[in-house]
Amino acid sequence: MINDVFKADIKYMQVMDESGNIDGELFPKELTDNMLIEIYRQMNFARSVDAKVLSLQRQGRAATYAPLLGQEATQIGSAYAMRKDDFFVPNFRQHGVYLARKFPLDLFFLYWRGFEEGNAIPVGFNGTPVTVPVSTQLPHAAGLAYSYKYKGLSSTVVTYVGDGGTSEGDFAESLNFSGVFKLPLIFIIENNQWAISESRKKQTAAGTLAQKAIAAGIDSIQVDGNDAIAVYKATKDAIEKSASGPMVIECITYRMTMHTTSDDPSKYRDQSEVDAWKRRDPIIRLSLYLRSKGLWNDDNESEMHNAHAKQIDDAVAKAETFKPNPKSIFENVFEFTPNILKDEEQEGISNNFWQ
C-alpha cells in the first residue's frame, strides 16, 4: 500500500508588474499615496547612498563594500512593513533597511570608512550590527524571537539572508528551532540569483528557496522582490500572523552589480542577463505607477535628488571629521567588559600607548 502523507505548494505573488500596472485585489488598502511616495523616495535615497559609498571606496575613502543596486524594493518594502517595536537582523547588504529605519547617516558612512564606532548601534535602534559571516545572524534572530515570546512581548523579528546563505547549516537550524517553538520570526530570503560567483542554479536542486521552509513546518511564499508593494504586503501579512509562528518570504530580485567592491561579475555572468534584469528595475517600476496616477513628475524627481545629495554630502563631511580613539577597541565588544580587557586598557593608559 502506498498513500500520500504530505503535499504542499508554494504561491508566488506580484502586485505591481514591470509596467507599473496594479492588481487591485491584492493592493493593500492601508497603503496610501503618501506612503507610496515615501517608499519611492527611500528607495532612491538608498540607491544614492549606495552610489556614494561605492565612489568613496574607489577613491580609497571607504572600505570593501557590498552594493545593494537592484534590491531596493525588497529592502525598503519590508522595512516599511515593520512596526516601530519590531526588530531586524541583517547581514552585510541591508543598507536600505538601516536607512529606512533611520540609522544615523553619518554613522553609516563612518562604518564604511572602517571605524567600528559606526557599527555601534545607538540605544533605541531596533537592529543588530552588520554581520559579514554568511548566515551566522540567523541563530541570533531566532534567539531574539524566542526571548520576545518568552517575555510575552508583541514585537516581531525580521531577519535577512541571501540565496547563498540558505545553503548554510545556520539557516536550516534556525528554521527548525523557530518552527518547533513557533517563534515570531520572519525570514526574508533576498534571492538576488548570485552568491558571489555561484549562480542560484548551482546552489540547490530545489525548485524554490521558499520550499525549504516546508520541512520545518513553516509557512512560506515567493514574491516579486522588485515589486515594493508585494514585498510590503507579504511582510506586513507575515508580521500580523507572527504571534502564531514564523514565516519565510523568498524575494526574487537581482544583484545588478558586483558582490562586493573586490569582485568583478563580468568574469562569471553574461551582460545579457544583467540587461534583462535592468528592464525590471524596481525604482523605474514604482515611478511609472506614481506618474500614471499624477503623484510624481520631473520637478519632484529633481527636487528629491538635490535634497538627497545635500543630505549625503553633509553626512560624509561629518563622518570624515571623526577622530578615532584607540580606547574604542575595548568598547562595544561585550555587554560587560571582562577584567582581562580592563587590565589591557589600563596597561595601555599607563604606558601611554595612545600617544
Protein backbone atom coordinates (compact mmCIF):
# COMPACT_ATOMS: atom_id res chain seq x y z
CA MET A 1 0.00 0.00 0.00
CA ILE A 2 1.22 3.49 -0.89
CA ASN A 3 -0.61 6.59 0.28
CA ASP A 4 0.19 10.28 0.08
CA VAL A 5 1.11 11.51 3.55
CA PHE A 6 2.09 15.08 2.73
CA LYS A 7 1.52 17.63 -0.03
CA ALA A 8 2.47 21.27 -0.29
CA ASP A 9 2.73 24.08 -2.81
CA ILE A 10 4.41 27.48 -2.97
CA LYS A 11 2.46 30.57 -4.01
CA TYR A 12 4.01 33.43 -5.99
CA MET A 13 2.76 37.00 -5.51
CA GLN A 14 3.13 40.12 -7.62
CA VAL A 15 1.02 43.23 -7.04
CA MET A 16 2.71 45.65 -9.48
CA ASP A 17 4.08 44.44 -12.81
CA GLU A 18 7.09 45.75 -14.76
CA SER A 19 4.96 48.45 -16.42
CA GLY A 20 3.56 49.78 -13.15
CA ASN A 21 0.15 48.15 -13.51
CA ILE A 22 -1.57 47.18 -10.25
CA ASP A 23 -3.59 44.13 -9.19
CA GLY A 24 -6.34 45.98 -7.33
CA GLU A 25 -7.49 42.91 -5.41
CA LEU A 26 -4.06 42.44 -3.84
CA PHE A 27 -3.23 46.12 -3.27
CA PRO A 28 -3.00 46.80 0.50
CA LYS A 29 -5.86 49.09 1.45
CA GLU A 30 -3.84 50.87 4.15
CA LEU A 31 -1.06 51.81 1.69
CA THR A 32 -1.80 55.48 0.99
CA ASP A 33 -0.46 57.63 -1.83
CA ASN A 34 1.79 59.47 0.63
CA MET A 35 3.21 56.17 1.91
CA LEU A 36 3.99 55.04 -1.63
CA ILE A 37 5.71 58.35 -2.37
CA GLU A 38 7.79 57.94 0.79
CA ILE A 39 8.72 54.38 -0.19
CA TYR A 40 9.77 55.67 -3.61
CA ARG A 41 11.85 58.44 -2.04
CA GLN A 42 13.50 55.98 0.33
CA MET A 43 14.33 53.56 -2.49
CA ASN A 44 16.02 56.40 -4.37
CA PHE A 45 17.81 57.53 -1.23
CA ALA A 46 19.17 54.03 -0.68
CA ARG A 47 20.41 53.90 -4.26
CA SER A 48 22.05 57.33 -3.94
CA VAL A 49 23.78 56.40 -0.68
CA ASP A 50 24.90 53.15 -2.30
CA ALA A 51 26.45 55.02 -5.23
CA LYS A 52 28.20 57.44 -2.86
CA VAL A 53 29.84 54.68 -0.80
CA LEU A 54 30.93 52.93 -3.99
CA SER A 55 32.50 56.17 -5.22
CA LEU A 56 34.25 56.73 -1.88
CA GLN A 57 35.59 53.18 -1.94
CA ARG A 58 37.08 53.68 -5.40
CA GLN A 59 38.78 56.83 -4.07
CA GLY A 60 40.27 54.97 -1.12
CA ARG A 61 37.94 56.76 1.31
CA ALA A 62 35.82 53.70 2.23
CA ALA A 63 36.38 50.03 2.93
CA THR A 64 35.29 46.99 0.92
CA TYR A 65 31.59 47.44 0.25
CA ALA A 66 28.67 45.24 -0.83
CA PRO A 67 26.34 47.29 -3.11
CA LEU A 68 22.56 46.87 -2.99
CA LEU A 69 21.82 48.16 -6.52
CA GLY A 70 18.66 46.49 -7.84
CA GLN A 71 17.44 45.21 -4.48
CA GLU A 72 15.84 48.39 -3.16
CA ALA A 73 12.24 47.14 -3.35
CA THR A 74 12.96 44.06 -1.24
CA GLN A 75 14.68 46.11 1.44
CA ILE A 76 12.51 49.21 1.58
CA GLY A 77 9.24 47.35 1.07
CA SER A 78 9.95 45.06 4.00
CA ALA A 79 11.32 47.84 6.19
CA TYR A 80 8.16 49.93 5.78
CA ALA A 81 6.02 46.96 6.79
CA MET A 82 7.75 46.74 10.17
CA ARG A 83 6.25 48.35 13.21
CA LYS A 84 8.21 50.67 15.49
CA ASP A 85 8.95 47.97 18.10
CA ASP A 86 9.82 45.23 15.60
CA PHE A 87 13.47 44.22 15.41
CA PHE A 88 15.56 43.46 12.33
CA VAL A 89 18.66 41.29 11.99
CA PRO A 90 20.62 41.97 8.76
CA ASN A 91 23.63 40.53 7.02
CA PHE A 92 26.08 42.74 5.10
CA ARG A 93 23.87 44.16 2.31
CA GLN A 94 20.76 45.50 4.05
CA HIS A 95 21.83 49.14 3.82
CA GLY A 96 18.35 50.13 2.68
CA VAL A 97 16.77 48.67 5.79
CA TYR A 98 19.16 50.59 8.05
CA LEU A 99 18.39 53.83 6.22
CA ALA A 100 14.62 53.28 6.18
CA ARG A 101 14.70 52.55 9.90
CA LYS A 102 16.54 55.89 10.38
CA PHE A 103 20.02 54.72 11.31
CA PRO A 104 22.17 57.89 11.66
CA LEU A 105 23.63 58.56 8.21
CA ASP A 106 26.97 59.86 9.49
CA LEU A 107 27.45 56.64 11.48
CA PHE A 108 26.63 54.64 8.35
CA PHE A 109 29.43 56.36 6.44
CA LEU A 110 31.72 56.13 9.44
CA TYR A 111 31.39 52.35 9.50
CA TRP A 112 32.15 52.01 5.81
CA ARG A 113 35.21 54.20 6.36
CA GLY A 114 36.47 51.35 8.55
CA PHE A 115 35.66 52.59 12.05
CA GLU A 116 33.74 50.19 14.30
CA GLU A 117 32.30 53.15 16.18
CA GLY A 118 29.96 53.46 13.21
CA ASN A 119 28.78 49.90 13.84
CA ALA A 120 27.86 50.58 17.47
CA ILE A 121 24.07 50.55 17.42
CA PRO A 122 22.51 53.62 19.08
CA VAL A 123 20.31 52.97 22.10
CA GLY A 124 16.72 52.57 20.98
CA PHE A 125 17.53 51.48 17.43
CA ASN A 126 15.93 48.07 16.89
CA GLY A 127 18.55 46.34 14.78
CA THR A 128 21.81 44.46 15.10
CA PRO A 129 25.18 45.45 13.62
CA VAL A 130 26.37 44.44 10.16
CA THR A 131 27.06 40.69 10.01
CA VAL A 132 29.61 39.50 7.43
CA PRO A 133 29.97 35.72 8.09
CA VAL A 134 27.24 34.14 5.97
CA SER A 135 24.05 33.16 7.86
CA THR A 136 25.55 33.45 11.34
CA GLN A 137 22.97 36.16 12.11
CA LEU A 138 20.07 33.70 11.80
CA PRO A 139 20.54 31.86 15.13
CA HIS A 140 20.79 35.30 16.77
CA ALA A 141 17.48 36.26 15.17
CA ALA A 142 15.90 33.04 16.43
CA GLY A 143 17.22 33.75 19.93
CA LEU A 144 15.80 37.27 19.88
CA ALA A 145 12.42 35.98 18.71
CA TYR A 146 12.48 33.31 21.43
CA SER A 147 13.13 35.99 24.05
CA TYR A 148 10.20 38.07 22.78
CA LYS A 149 7.88 35.09 23.02
CA TYR A 150 9.24 34.06 26.43
CA LYS A 151 8.63 37.58 27.79
CA GLY A 152 5.18 37.79 26.25
CA LEU A 153 6.06 40.78 24.06
CA SER A 154 4.21 41.52 20.84
CA SER A 155 7.25 42.50 18.75
CA THR A 156 8.35 40.53 15.71
CA VAL A 157 11.89 39.86 14.48
CA VAL A 158 12.64 40.21 10.76
CA THR A 159 15.89 38.70 9.52
CA TYR A 160 17.53 38.66 6.10
CA VAL A 161 19.57 36.06 4.27
CA GLY A 162 20.84 35.74 0.71
CA ASP A 163 20.25 32.82 -1.62
CA GLY A 164 23.72 31.50 -0.85
CA GLY A 165 23.03 31.72 2.86
CA THR A 166 20.17 29.24 2.55
CA SER A 167 22.79 26.54 1.87
CA GLU A 168 24.34 27.06 5.31
CA GLY A 169 23.57 24.93 8.33
CA ASP A 170 22.66 28.03 10.34
CA PHE A 171 19.69 28.53 8.04
CA ALA A 172 18.31 25.02 8.49
CA GLU A 173 18.92 25.04 12.24
CA SER A 174 17.25 28.42 12.72
CA LEU A 175 14.25 27.32 10.66
CA ASN A 176 13.91 24.15 12.69
CA PHE A 177 14.19 25.94 16.04
CA SER A 178 11.73 28.67 15.09
CA GLY A 179 9.29 26.13 13.69
CA VAL A 180 9.35 23.97 16.81
CA PHE A 181 8.79 26.92 19.16
CA LYS A 182 6.51 28.86 16.79
CA LEU A 183 8.58 32.00 17.11
CA PRO A 184 7.53 35.49 15.92
CA LEU A 185 10.26 35.46 13.27
CA ILE A 186 10.14 36.41 9.58
CA PHE A 187 12.91 35.08 7.33
CA ILE A 188 13.34 37.21 4.21
CA ILE A 189 15.41 35.44 1.56
CA GLU A 190 16.92 38.11 -0.65
CA ASN A 191 17.32 35.87 -3.70
CA ASN A 192 19.50 38.01 -5.97
CA GLN A 193 20.45 34.98 -8.11
CA TRP A 194 24.17 35.01 -7.26
CA ALA A 195 26.20 34.01 -4.17
CA ILE A 196 29.38 35.82 -5.20
CA SER A 197 30.18 33.87 -8.42
CA GLU A 198 27.93 30.87 -7.70
CA SER A 199 24.61 31.10 -9.53
CA ARG A 200 21.28 30.23 -7.93
CA LYS A 201 21.02 27.31 -10.39
CA LYS A 202 24.09 25.69 -8.82
CA GLN A 203 23.09 26.44 -5.23
CA THR A 204 20.36 23.85 -4.86
CA ALA A 205 18.17 21.46 -6.83
CA ALA A 206 15.09 22.82 -5.03
CA GLY A 207 12.61 24.47 -7.37
CA THR A 208 12.26 27.41 -4.98
CA LEU A 209 14.12 28.56 -1.91
CA ALA A 210 10.81 29.20 -0.16
CA GLN A 211 10.05 25.48 -0.10
CA LYS A 212 12.96 24.90 2.27
CA ALA A 213 10.60 26.12 4.99
CA ILE A 214 8.21 23.23 4.44
CA ALA A 215 10.39 20.62 6.13
CA ALA A 216 10.49 22.84 9.24
CA GLY A 217 6.71 23.14 9.35
CA ILE A 218 6.82 26.83 8.43
CA ASP A 219 4.56 28.71 6.02
CA SER A 220 6.27 30.37 3.08
CA ILE A 221 5.63 32.43 -0.01
CA GLN A 222 7.63 33.60 -3.01
CA VAL A 223 7.17 37.22 -4.14
CA ASP A 224 8.43 39.50 -6.88
CA GLY A 225 11.29 41.12 -4.98
CA ASN A 226 11.40 44.04 -7.42
CA ASP A 227 7.80 44.91 -6.54
CA ALA A 228 7.93 47.08 -3.42
CA ILE A 229 4.18 46.74 -2.88
CA ALA A 230 4.24 42.93 -2.98
CA VAL A 231 7.18 42.82 -0.55
CA TYR A 232 5.42 45.27 1.76
CA LYS A 233 2.21 43.22 1.70
CA ALA A 234 3.93 39.87 2.23
CA THR A 235 5.96 41.22 5.16
CA LYS A 236 3.04 43.02 6.78
CA ASP A 237 0.80 39.95 6.47
CA ALA A 238 3.53 37.78 7.99
CA ILE A 239 4.07 40.18 10.89
CA GLU A 240 0.34 40.29 11.63
CA LYS A 241 0.31 36.48 11.90
CA SER A 242 3.69 36.15 13.64
CA ALA A 243 2.19 35.54 17.07
CA SER A 244 1.18 32.14 15.68
CA GLY A 245 4.61 31.33 14.27
CA PRO A 246 7.34 32.14 11.75
CA MET A 247 7.18 32.78 8.01
CA VAL A 248 9.64 32.55 5.12
CA ILE A 249 9.40 35.08 2.29
CA GLU A 250 11.55 34.46 -0.78
CA CYS A 251 12.02 37.73 -2.69
CA ILE A 252 13.02 37.21 -6.32
CA THR A 253 15.35 40.08 -7.18
CA TYR A 254 18.72 40.62 -8.82
CA ARG A 255 22.17 41.86 -7.86
CA MET A 256 22.71 44.43 -10.60
CA THR A 257 26.40 44.89 -9.89
CA MET A 258 29.27 43.22 -8.05
CA HIS A 259 29.05 41.10 -4.90
CA THR A 260 31.50 43.48 -3.23
CA THR A 261 33.98 46.03 -4.48
CA SER A 262 36.63 43.29 -4.58
CA ASP A 263 34.58 41.33 -7.15
CA ASP A 264 34.30 41.50 -10.96
CA PRO A 265 30.98 39.95 -12.06
CA SER A 266 31.90 40.21 -15.75
CA LYS A 267 34.18 37.22 -15.16
CA TYR A 268 31.30 34.85 -14.46
CA ARG A 269 27.99 36.17 -15.82
CA ASP A 270 26.77 37.44 -19.18
CA GLN A 271 25.89 41.08 -19.67
CA SER A 272 22.73 39.98 -21.48
CA GLU A 273 21.44 38.60 -18.17
CA VAL A 274 22.09 41.91 -16.43
CA ASP A 275 20.42 43.85 -19.25
CA ALA A 276 17.32 41.66 -18.99
CA TRP A 277 17.01 42.40 -15.26
CA LYS A 278 17.55 46.14 -15.82
CA ARG A 279 14.19 46.16 -17.56
CA ARG A 280 12.70 45.01 -14.24
CA ASP A 281 14.32 47.85 -12.26
CA PRO A 282 12.25 48.30 -9.06
CA ILE A 283 12.63 52.09 -8.97
CA ILE A 284 11.56 52.60 -12.58
CA ARG A 285 8.55 50.37 -11.95
CA LEU A 286 7.27 52.35 -8.98
CA SER A 287 7.99 55.64 -10.78
CA LEU A 288 5.77 54.55 -13.67
CA TYR A 289 2.92 53.82 -11.28
CA LEU A 290 3.24 57.13 -9.38
CA ARG A 291 3.42 59.14 -12.59
CA SER A 292 0.40 57.32 -14.03
CA LYS A 293 -1.62 58.48 -11.02
CA GLY A 294 -0.35 62.06 -11.25
CA LEU A 295 1.55 61.73 -7.97
CA TRP A 296 5.02 62.37 -9.37
CA ASN A 297 6.72 64.45 -12.07
CA ASP A 298 10.14 65.59 -13.27
CA ASP A 299 10.20 68.56 -10.89
CA ASN A 300 9.56 66.24 -7.94
CA GLU A 301 12.34 63.97 -9.17
CA SER A 302 14.88 66.79 -9.47
CA GLU A 303 13.96 68.24 -6.08
CA MET A 304 14.29 64.82 -4.44
CA HIS A 305 17.72 64.09 -5.88
CA ASN A 306 19.04 67.54 -4.92
CA ALA A 307 17.82 67.10 -1.34
CA HIS A 308 19.34 63.62 -1.14
CA ALA A 309 22.68 64.84 -2.49
CA LYS A 310 22.91 67.55 0.18
CA GLN A 311 21.92 65.18 2.97
CA ILE A 312 24.51 62.65 1.84
CA ASP A 313 27.31 65.18 1.38
CA ASP A 314 26.66 66.67 4.84
CA ALA A 315 26.82 63.19 6.42
CA VAL A 316 30.06 62.32 4.59
CA ALA A 317 31.63 65.58 5.70
CA LYS A 318 30.66 64.89 9.31
CA ALA A 319 31.98 61.31 9.14
CA GLU A 320 35.31 62.48 7.72
CA THR A 321 35.91 64.82 10.67
CA PHE A 322 35.87 61.83 13.03
CA LYS A 323 39.00 61.35 15.14
CA PRO A 324 39.34 57.74 16.36
CA ASN A 325 40.11 56.98 19.99
CA PRO A 326 42.29 53.86 20.36
CA LYS A 327 40.44 53.05 23.59
CA SER A 328 37.41 52.19 21.45
CA ILE A 329 38.90 48.74 20.75
CA PHE A 330 37.85 47.82 24.30
CA GLU A 331 34.28 49.11 23.93
CA ASN A 332 31.18 47.59 22.37
CA VAL A 333 32.69 44.10 22.43
CA PHE A 334 30.86 42.68 25.43
CA GLU A 335 27.87 43.90 27.38
CA PHE A 336 30.15 43.95 30.43
CA THR A 337 33.87 44.44 29.90
CA PRO A 338 35.78 41.43 31.33
CA ASN A 339 38.66 42.05 33.70
CA ILE A 340 41.27 40.90 31.20
CA LEU A 341 40.26 43.69 28.80
CA LYS A 342 40.12 46.20 31.64
CA ASP A 343 43.68 45.22 32.55
CA GLU A 344 44.86 45.61 28.96
CA GLU A 345 43.20 49.00 28.68
CA GLN A 346 44.80 50.18 31.93
CA GLU A 347 48.18 48.94 30.72
CA GLY A 348 47.78 50.98 27.55
CA ILE A 349 46.93 54.09 29.55
CA SER A 350 49.82 53.56 31.97
CA ASN A 351 52.35 53.13 29.15
CA ASN A 352 50.98 55.97 27.02
CA PHE A 353 50.22 53.65 24.12
CA TRP A 354 47.57 56.16 22.96
CA GLN A 355 50.07 58.97 22.40
